[in-house]
C-alpha cells in the first residue's frame, strides 16, 4: 500500500486538475448492451463505460507510481477482453478523472474482476496494519476536496482470507475507508461482478453523505510490502446514476 504522503499527492493531483480545467460536460446514455451481461441490481443511466475492448483502451487512464511499476496491459481471450495487472514487488495505480454528482444524484459503480494469484503473506490478513498491506485487486472511488486533507476515498478490496463485508480504516489515513468486496479463501479462479451503491457504502463507512462529488476512480494490484507477486484482471468498469 502506498504511503500516506503518496496517497495525498495523488489526491492533490486530481483535485487541482478538477479545479483548473473547465467544467466537464457529459452526456448520460441509457442503452441496451448486446452480447454482454447487464447488471441486475440497478437500472443505471450510464455516464462512463470502460469495456477495455481495444488495444489502446488504457490511453485515457493515468498512472500513479508508488513503488515500482505494475504491468497493466489489454489481453484478449476468445470473445473476452480485459486489463491484466501483474505486480512483482511493485505498486502503481491506474486512475481516471471524472466529475460525478454525489450530492444531488445517486451514483453507482460496477465492474468485473478476477484474481489468479494472491500476494504471499506470512501473517493473517489485516485491514488496518501497514505490514504486508498487499492485495491482489483494489478499486477506488475518490472524492477530492479543494483542501486535500478533507478528501475521502472508498476502497474496495479482493481479499484472500478476510470475510466479505468487513470494513476498516486505512492505516495511512482515516479518510480512506476499506471494504472487503470479495474473498476467495479456496483460490478458485473465476470472474465476479461487483455492483455498488456508492452513497450507501459511503454512509456505512463514514456515517454521513458525501460532502464532495466524485472526482476519480482507480484500480491497483500491489505487492511491494510482501516482496512477492500477484496477478489480477479488471473489466467493464461502469459509472452512472440510479
C-alpha atoms as a PDB file:
ATOM      1  CA  UNK A   1       0.000   0.000   0.000  1.00  0.00           C
ATOM      2  CA  UNK A   2       1.367   3.461  -0.852  1.00  0.00           C
ATOM      3  CA  UNK A   3       2.408   5.810   1.917  1.00  0.00           C
ATOM      4  CA  UNK A   4       0.047   8.411   3.316  1.00  0.00           C
ATOM      5  CA  UNK A   5       2.105  11.135   1.638  1.00  0.00           C
ATOM      6  CA  UNK A   6       1.919   9.392  -1.737  1.00  0.00           C
ATOM      7  CA  UNK A   7      -1.833   8.931  -1.456  1.00  0.00           C
ATOM      8  CA  UNK A   8      -2.288  12.604  -0.668  1.00  0.00           C
ATOM      9  CA  UNK A   9      -0.098  13.530  -3.656  1.00  0.00           C
ATOM     10  CA  UNK A  10      -2.484  11.554  -5.860  1.00  0.00           C
ATOM     11  CA  UNK A  11      -5.493  13.260  -4.291  1.00  0.00           C
ATOM     12  CA  UNK A  12      -3.909  16.692  -4.729  1.00  0.00           C
ATOM     13  CA  UNK A  13      -3.153  15.952  -8.383  1.00  0.00           C
ATOM     14  CA  UNK A  14      -6.763  15.022  -9.020  1.00  0.00           C
ATOM     15  CA  UNK A  15      -8.194  17.924  -7.014  1.00  0.00           C
ATOM     16  CA  UNK A  16      -6.021  20.541  -8.732  1.00  0.00           C
ATOM     17  CA  UNK A  17      -6.847  19.248 -12.197  1.00  0.00           C
ATOM     18  CA  UNK A  18     -10.570  19.275 -11.447  1.00  0.00           C
ATOM     19  CA  UNK A  19     -10.402  22.871 -10.230  1.00  0.00           C
ATOM     20  CA  UNK A  20      -8.171  24.035 -13.059  1.00  0.00           C
ATOM     21  CA  UNK A  21      -9.982  22.576 -16.045  1.00  0.00           C
ATOM     22  CA  UNK A  22     -13.320  23.918 -17.301  1.00  0.00           C
ATOM     23  CA  UNK A  23     -16.487  22.186 -16.194  1.00  0.00           C
ATOM     24  CA  UNK A  24     -16.748  18.872 -17.974  1.00  0.00           C
ATOM     25  CA  UNK A  25     -19.969  18.370 -19.894  1.00  0.00           C
ATOM     26  CA  UNK A  26     -21.011  14.828 -20.462  1.00  0.00           C
ATOM     27  CA  UNK A  27     -23.973  13.013 -21.927  1.00  0.00           C
ATOM     28  CA  UNK A  28     -25.828  10.389 -19.951  1.00  0.00           C
ATOM     29  CA  UNK A  29     -26.757   7.412 -22.041  1.00  0.00           C
ATOM     30  CA  UNK A  30     -29.296   4.697 -21.282  1.00  0.00           C
ATOM     31  CA  UNK A  31     -28.906   1.891 -23.772  1.00  0.00           C
ATOM     32  CA  UNK A  32     -29.142  -1.849 -24.226  1.00  0.00           C
ATOM     33  CA  UNK A  33     -25.826  -3.610 -24.348  1.00  0.00           C
ATOM     34  CA  UNK A  34     -25.886  -6.616 -26.631  1.00  0.00           C
ATOM     35  CA  UNK A  35     -23.722  -9.692 -26.137  1.00  0.00           C
ATOM     36  CA  UNK A  36     -22.741  -8.789 -22.579  1.00  0.00           C
ATOM     37  CA  UNK A  37     -24.153  -9.148 -19.101  1.00  0.00           C
ATOM     38  CA  UNK A  38     -26.362  -6.291 -17.911  1.00  0.00           C
ATOM     39  CA  UNK A  39     -26.027  -5.521 -14.170  1.00  0.00           C
ATOM     40  CA  UNK A  40     -29.103  -6.926 -12.446  1.00  0.00           C
ATOM     41  CA  UNK A  41     -29.192  -4.854  -9.286  1.00  0.00           C
ATOM     42  CA  UNK A  42     -29.613  -1.349 -10.712  1.00  0.00           C
ATOM     43  CA  UNK A  43     -31.116   0.263 -13.774  1.00  0.00           C
ATOM     44  CA  UNK A  44     -28.335   2.700 -14.499  1.00  0.00           C
ATOM     45  CA  UNK A  45     -28.123   5.904 -16.501  1.00  0.00           C
ATOM     46  CA  UNK A  46     -24.580   5.396 -17.710  1.00  0.00           C
ATOM     47  CA  UNK A  47     -22.089   8.235 -17.564  1.00  0.00           C
ATOM     48  CA  UNK A  48     -18.958   6.272 -18.461  1.00  0.00           C
ATOM     49  CA  UNK A  49     -18.266   2.701 -19.530  1.00  0.00           C
ATOM     50  CA  UNK A  50     -14.827   1.094 -19.879  1.00  0.00           C
ATOM     51  CA  UNK A  51     -15.137  -2.148 -21.909  1.00  0.00           C
ATOM     52  CA  UNK A  52     -11.335  -2.405 -22.373  1.00  0.00           C
ATOM     53  CA  UNK A  53     -12.002  -3.835 -25.825  1.00  0.00           C
ATOM     54  CA  UNK A  54      -9.292  -2.015 -27.793  1.00  0.00           C
ATOM     55  CA  UNK A  55      -5.520  -2.267 -27.612  1.00  0.00           C
ATOM     56  CA  UNK A  56      -5.307   1.440 -26.746  1.00  0.00           C
ATOM     57  CA  UNK A  57      -8.074   1.353 -24.103  1.00  0.00           C
ATOM     58  CA  UNK A  58      -5.681   2.353 -21.327  1.00  0.00           C
ATOM     59  CA  UNK A  59      -4.579   5.601 -23.009  1.00  0.00           C
ATOM     60  CA  UNK A  60      -7.303   7.579 -21.265  1.00  0.00           C
ATOM     61  CA  UNK A  61      -6.114   6.329 -17.857  1.00  0.00           C
ATOM     62  CA  UNK A  62      -3.227   7.917 -15.965  1.00  0.00           C
ATOM     63  CA  UNK A  63      -0.734   6.056 -13.811  1.00  0.00           C
ATOM     64  CA  UNK A  64       0.447   6.928 -10.313  1.00  0.00           C
ATOM     65  CA  UNK A  65       3.616   5.079  -9.341  1.00  0.00           C
ATOM     66  CA  UNK A  66       4.152   4.416  -5.652  1.00  0.00           C
ATOM     67  CA  UNK A  67       6.922   1.802  -5.729  1.00  0.00           C
ATOM     68  CA  UNK A  68       7.904   0.163  -8.970  1.00  0.00           C
ATOM     69  CA  UNK A  69       5.508  -0.267 -11.879  1.00  0.00           C
ATOM     70  CA  UNK A  70       2.729  -2.793 -12.091  1.00  0.00           C
ATOM     71  CA  UNK A  71       2.344  -4.120 -15.630  1.00  0.00           C
ATOM     72  CA  UNK A  72      -1.136  -3.221 -16.900  1.00  0.00           C
ATOM     73  CA  UNK A  73      -1.990  -4.480 -20.369  1.00  0.00           C
ATOM     74  CA  UNK A  74      -5.013  -5.295 -22.514  1.00  0.00           C
ATOM     75  CA  UNK A  75      -5.482  -9.005 -23.137  1.00  0.00           C
ATOM     76  CA  UNK A  76      -7.992 -10.811 -25.318  1.00  0.00           C
ATOM     77  CA  UNK A  77      -9.207 -14.352 -24.789  1.00  0.00           C
ATOM     78  CA  UNK A  78     -11.663 -15.545 -27.402  1.00  0.00           C
ATOM     79  CA  UNK A  79     -14.648 -13.187 -27.025  1.00  0.00           C
ATOM     80  CA  UNK A  80     -13.312 -11.537 -23.852  1.00  0.00           C
ATOM     81  CA  UNK A  81     -11.035  -8.534 -23.489  1.00  0.00           C
ATOM     82  CA  UNK A  82      -9.813  -7.104 -20.193  1.00  0.00           C
ATOM     83  CA  UNK A  83      -6.979  -5.452 -18.284  1.00  0.00           C
ATOM     84  CA  UNK A  84      -4.442  -7.815 -16.779  1.00  0.00           C
ATOM     85  CA  UNK A  85      -2.406  -6.476 -13.857  1.00  0.00           C
ATOM     86  CA  UNK A  86       0.832  -8.226 -12.937  1.00  0.00           C
ATOM     87  CA  UNK A  87       2.648  -6.966  -9.854  1.00  0.00           C
ATOM     88  CA  UNK A  88       6.186  -8.035  -8.942  1.00  0.00           C
ATOM     89  CA  UNK A  89       7.202  -6.334  -5.679  1.00  0.00           C
ATOM     90  CA  UNK A  90       5.519  -3.201  -7.019  1.00  0.00           C
ATOM     91  CA  UNK A  91       2.656  -0.746  -6.504  1.00  0.00           C
ATOM     92  CA  UNK A  92       1.233   1.570  -9.143  1.00  0.00           C
ATOM     93  CA  UNK A  93      -2.376   2.537  -9.794  1.00  0.00           C
ATOM     94  CA  UNK A  94      -4.323   3.497 -12.894  1.00  0.00           C
ATOM     95  CA  UNK A  95      -6.809   6.309 -12.355  1.00  0.00           C
ATOM     96  CA  UNK A  96      -9.364   8.164 -14.449  1.00  0.00           C
ATOM     97  CA  UNK A  97     -10.564  11.662 -13.603  1.00  0.00           C
ATOM     98  CA  UNK A  98     -14.325  12.142 -13.904  1.00  0.00           C
ATOM     99  CA  UNK A  99     -16.863  14.524 -12.384  1.00  0.00           C
ATOM    100  CA  UNK A 100     -19.814  12.575 -10.997  1.00  0.00           C
ATOM    101  CA  UNK A 101     -22.504  14.223  -8.877  1.00  0.00           C
ATOM    102  CA  UNK A 102     -22.783  12.517  -5.494  1.00  0.00           C
ATOM    103  CA  UNK A 103     -24.739  15.201  -3.629  1.00  0.00           C
ATOM    104  CA  UNK A 104     -27.903  15.504  -5.736  1.00  0.00           C
ATOM    105  CA  UNK A 105     -27.759  12.175  -7.582  1.00  0.00           C
ATOM    106  CA  UNK A 106     -27.272   8.532  -6.573  1.00  0.00           C
ATOM    107  CA  UNK A 107     -24.032   7.353  -8.190  1.00  0.00           C
ATOM    108  CA  UNK A 108     -23.298   3.676  -8.710  1.00  0.00           C
ATOM    109  CA  UNK A 109     -20.274   1.757  -9.913  1.00  0.00           C
ATOM    110  CA  UNK A 110     -19.961  -1.759 -11.261  1.00  0.00           C
ATOM    111  CA  UNK A 111     -17.076  -3.803 -12.579  1.00  0.00           C
ATOM    112  CA  UNK A 112     -15.859  -7.318 -13.227  1.00  0.00           C
ATOM    113  CA  UNK A 113     -12.656  -8.680 -11.785  1.00  0.00           C
ATOM    114  CA  UNK A 114     -10.763 -11.894 -11.351  1.00  0.00           C
ATOM    115  CA  UNK A 115      -7.752 -12.949  -9.284  1.00  0.00           C
ATOM    116  CA  UNK A 116      -5.364 -15.628 -10.452  1.00  0.00           C
ATOM    117  CA  UNK A 117      -2.618 -15.136  -7.877  1.00  0.00           C
ATOM    118  CA  UNK A 118      -2.711 -13.583  -4.413  1.00  0.00           C
ATOM    119  CA  UNK A 119       0.301 -11.989  -2.676  1.00  0.00           C
ATOM    120  CA  UNK A 120       2.026 -14.495  -0.404  1.00  0.00           C
ATOM    121  CA  UNK A 121       1.650 -13.385   3.220  1.00  0.00           C
ATOM    122  CA  UNK A 122       3.332 -14.777   6.313  1.00  0.00           C
ATOM    123  CA  UNK A 123       0.674 -13.488   8.729  1.00  0.00           C
ATOM    124  CA  UNK A 124      -3.136 -13.393   8.709  1.00  0.00           C
ATOM    125  CA  UNK A 125      -4.611 -10.588   6.635  1.00  0.00           C
ATOM    126  CA  UNK A 126      -5.447  -7.373   8.449  1.00  0.00           C
ATOM    127  CA  UNK A 127      -7.019  -4.237   7.048  1.00  0.00           C
ATOM    128  CA  UNK A 128      -5.562  -1.768   9.498  1.00  0.00           C
ATOM    129  CA  UNK A 129      -1.858  -2.582   9.733  1.00  0.00           C
ATOM    130  CA  UNK A 130       0.845  -1.482   7.317  1.00  0.00           C
ATOM    131  CA  UNK A 131       2.797  -4.735   7.391  1.00  0.00           C
ATOM    132  CA  UNK A 132       2.005  -6.924   4.399  1.00  0.00           C
ATOM    133  CA  UNK A 133      -0.685  -4.494   3.243  1.00  0.00           C
ATOM    134  CA  UNK A 134      -0.792  -6.067  -0.208  1.00  0.00           C
ATOM    135  CA  UNK A 135      -3.937  -7.101  -2.078  1.00  0.00           C
ATOM    136  CA  UNK A 136      -4.416  -8.733  -5.444  1.00  0.00           C
ATOM    137  CA  UNK A 137      -7.119  -6.294  -6.530  1.00  0.00           C
ATOM    138  CA  UNK A 138      -8.346  -2.896  -5.370  1.00  0.00           C
ATOM    139  CA  UNK A 139     -10.905  -0.482  -6.838  1.00  0.00           C
ATOM    140  CA  UNK A 140     -11.101   3.111  -5.584  1.00  0.00           C
ATOM    141  CA  UNK A 141     -13.783   5.793  -5.700  1.00  0.00           C
ATOM    142  CA  UNK A 142     -12.171   9.155  -4.898  1.00  0.00           C
ATOM    143  CA  UNK A 143     -13.884  12.281  -3.565  1.00  0.00           C
ATOM    144  CA  UNK A 144     -11.254  15.035  -3.908  1.00  0.00           C
ATOM    145  CA  UNK A 145     -11.611  18.244  -1.912  1.00  0.00           C
ATOM    146  CA  UNK A 146     -10.012  21.635  -2.525  1.00  0.00           C
ATOM    147  CA  UNK A 147      -8.063  21.050   0.676  1.00  0.00           C
ATOM    148  CA  UNK A 148      -6.707  17.557   0.150  1.00  0.00           C
ATOM    149  CA  UNK A 149      -6.753  16.691   3.860  1.00  0.00           C
ATOM    150  CA  UNK A 150     -10.550  16.666   3.588  1.00  0.00           C
ATOM    151  CA  UNK A 151     -10.620  14.336   0.584  1.00  0.00           C
ATOM    152  CA  UNK A 152     -12.304  10.967   1.047  1.00  0.00           C
ATOM    153  CA  UNK A 153     -11.753   7.583  -0.585  1.00  0.00           C
ATOM    154  CA  UNK A 154     -13.789   4.387  -0.776  1.00  0.00           C
ATOM    155  CA  UNK A 155     -11.507   1.424  -1.408  1.00  0.00           C
ATOM    156  CA  UNK A 156     -12.942  -1.951  -2.415  1.00  0.00           C
ATOM    157  CA  UNK A 157     -10.665  -4.952  -1.875  1.00  0.00           C
ATOM    158  CA  UNK A 158     -10.497  -8.540  -3.026  1.00  0.00           C
ATOM    159  CA  UNK A 159      -9.058 -10.316  -0.001  1.00  0.00           C
ATOM    160  CA  UNK A 160      -7.832 -13.878   0.281  1.00  0.00           C
ATOM    161  CA  UNK A 161      -8.773 -14.593   3.905  1.00  0.00           C
ATOM    162  CA  UNK A 162     -10.980 -11.790   5.230  1.00  0.00           C
ATOM    163  CA  UNK A 163     -14.795 -12.070   5.174  1.00  0.00           C
ATOM    164  CA  UNK A 164     -16.867 -10.222   2.595  1.00  0.00           C
ATOM    165  CA  UNK A 165     -18.460  -7.121   4.090  1.00  0.00           C
ATOM    166  CA  UNK A 166     -15.660  -6.404   6.565  1.00  0.00           C
ATOM    167  CA  UNK A 167     -14.873  -2.691   6.734  1.00  0.00           C
ATOM    168  CA  UNK A 168     -11.899  -0.857   8.149  1.00  0.00           C
ATOM    169  CA  UNK A 169      -9.854   2.320   8.105  1.00  0.00           C
ATOM    170  CA  UNK A 170      -6.650   2.555   6.131  1.00  0.00           C
ATOM    171  CA  UNK A 171      -3.525   2.600   8.320  1.00  0.00           C
ATOM    172  CA  UNK A 172      -2.375   5.543   6.207  1.00  0.00           C
ATOM    173  CA  UNK A 173      -5.362   7.874   6.582  1.00  0.00           C
ATOM    174  CA  UNK A 174      -8.665   7.994   8.455  1.00  0.00           C
ATOM    175  CA  UNK A 175     -10.194   9.432   5.280  1.00  0.00           C
ATOM    176  CA  UNK A 176      -9.637   6.198   3.358  1.00  0.00           C
ATOM    177  CA  UNK A 177     -12.193   3.521   4.204  1.00  0.00           C
ATOM    178  CA  UNK A 178     -11.685  -0.094   3.178  1.00  0.00           C
ATOM    179  CA  UNK A 179     -14.443  -2.524   2.212  1.00  0.00           C
ATOM    180  CA  UNK A 180     -13.826  -6.223   1.557  1.00  0.00           C
ATOM    181  CA  UNK A 181     -15.939  -6.713  -1.559  1.00  0.00           C
ATOM    182  CA  UNK A 182     -14.716 -10.212  -2.466  1.00  0.00           C
ATOM    183  CA  UNK A 183     -12.938 -13.006  -0.658  1.00  0.00           C
ATOM    184  CA  UNK A 184     -11.598 -16.195  -2.118  1.00  0.00           C
ATOM    185  CA  UNK A 185     -10.031 -18.432   0.541  1.00  0.00           C
ATOM    186  CA  UNK A 186     -10.131 -21.502  -1.698  1.00  0.00           C
ATOM    187  CA  UNK A 187      -8.375 -19.635  -4.517  1.00  0.00           C
ATOM    188  CA  UNK A 188     -10.957 -20.747  -7.073  1.00  0.00           C
ATOM    189  CA  UNK A 189     -10.475 -18.644 -10.146  1.00  0.00           C
ATOM    190  CA  UNK A 190     -13.365 -17.028 -11.960  1.00  0.00           C
ATOM    191  CA  UNK A 191     -14.847 -13.715 -12.973  1.00  0.00           C
ATOM    192  CA  UNK A 192     -17.016 -11.979 -10.412  1.00  0.00           C
ATOM    193  CA  UNK A 193     -19.191  -8.902 -10.800  1.00  0.00           C
ATOM    194  CA  UNK A 194     -19.466  -6.084  -8.284  1.00  0.00           C
ATOM    195  CA  UNK A 195     -22.347  -3.586  -8.285  1.00  0.00           C
ATOM    196  CA  UNK A 196     -22.004  -0.932  -5.591  1.00  0.00           C
ATOM    197  CA  UNK A 197     -24.347   1.788  -4.402  1.00  0.00           C
ATOM    198  CA  UNK A 198     -21.735   4.434  -3.651  1.00  0.00           C
ATOM    199  CA  UNK A 199     -23.881   6.567  -1.343  1.00  0.00           C
ATOM    200  CA  UNK A 200     -24.942   3.531   0.685  1.00  0.00           C
ATOM    201  CA  UNK A 201     -21.331   2.395   1.075  1.00  0.00           C
ATOM    202  CA  UNK A 202     -20.203   5.921   1.949  1.00  0.00           C
ATOM    203  CA  UNK A 203     -22.881   6.226   4.645  1.00  0.00           C
ATOM    204  CA  UNK A 204     -21.875   2.859   6.065  1.00  0.00           C
ATOM    205  CA  UNK A 205     -18.206   3.671   6.486  1.00  0.00           C
ATOM    206  CA  UNK A 206     -18.194   7.448   7.060  1.00  0.00           C
ATOM    207  CA  UNK A 207     -21.540   7.800   8.840  1.00  0.00           C
ATOM    208  CA  UNK A 208     -22.793  10.623   6.618  1.00  0.00           C
ATOM    209  CA  UNK A 209     -23.427  11.517   2.988  1.00  0.00           C
ATOM    210  CA  UNK A 210     -20.566  12.745   0.774  1.00  0.00           C
ATOM    211  CA  UNK A 211     -19.624  16.406   1.042  1.00  0.00           C
ATOM    212  CA  UNK A 212     -17.875  16.368  -2.326  1.00  0.00           C
ATOM    213  CA  UNK A 213     -18.533  14.990  -5.784  1.00  0.00           C
ATOM    214  CA  UNK A 214     -16.675  12.014  -7.147  1.00  0.00           C
ATOM    215  CA  UNK A 215     -13.534  13.173  -8.924  1.00  0.00           C
ATOM    216  CA  UNK A 216     -11.844   9.953  -9.983  1.00  0.00           C
ATOM    217  CA  UNK A 217     -11.886   6.175  -9.993  1.00  0.00           C
ATOM    218  CA  UNK A 218      -8.828   3.942  -9.841  1.00  0.00           C
ATOM    219  CA  UNK A 219      -7.701   0.346  -9.618  1.00  0.00           C
ATOM    220  CA  UNK A 220      -4.497  -1.263  -8.415  1.00  0.00           C
ATOM    221  CA  UNK A 221      -2.752  -4.550  -7.717  1.00  0.00           C
ATOM    222  CA  UNK A 222       0.150  -4.253  -5.260  1.00  0.00           C
ATOM    223  CA  UNK A 223       2.836  -6.468  -3.710  1.00  0.00           C
ATOM    224  CA  UNK A 224       5.550  -4.069  -2.529  1.00  0.00           C
ATOM    225  CA  UNK A 225       5.220  -4.933   1.169  1.00  0.00           C
ATOM    226  CA  UNK A 226       5.426  -8.723   0.860  1.00  0.00           C
ATOM    227  CA  UNK A 227       8.006  -8.584  -1.912  1.00  0.00           C
ATOM    228  CA  UNK A 228       6.039 -11.244  -3.771  1.00  0.00           C
ATOM    229  CA  UNK A 229       3.804 -11.211  -6.853  1.00  0.00           C
ATOM    230  CA  UNK A 230       0.119 -11.080  -7.743  1.00  0.00           C
ATOM    231  CA  UNK A 231      -1.970 -11.373 -10.879  1.00  0.00           C
ATOM    232  CA  UNK A 232      -5.471  -9.957 -11.407  1.00  0.00           C
ATOM    233  CA  UNK A 233      -7.823  -8.873 -14.178  1.00  0.00           C
ATOM    234  CA  UNK A 234     -10.305  -5.992 -14.419  1.00  0.00           C
ATOM    235  CA  UNK A 235     -13.093  -5.438 -16.912  1.00  0.00           C
ATOM    236  CA  UNK A 236     -16.254  -3.473 -17.732  1.00  0.00           C
ATOM    237  CA  UNK A 237     -15.980  -0.656 -15.219  1.00  0.00           C
ATOM    238  CA  UNK A 238     -19.219   1.338 -15.349  1.00  0.00           C
ATOM    239  CA  UNK A 239     -20.154   4.607 -13.671  1.00  0.00           C
ATOM    240  CA  UNK A 240     -23.605   6.114 -13.629  1.00  0.00           C
ATOM    241  CA  UNK A 241     -26.627   7.212 -11.628  1.00  0.00           C
ATOM    242  CA  UNK A 242     -29.649   5.275 -10.438  1.00  0.00           C
END
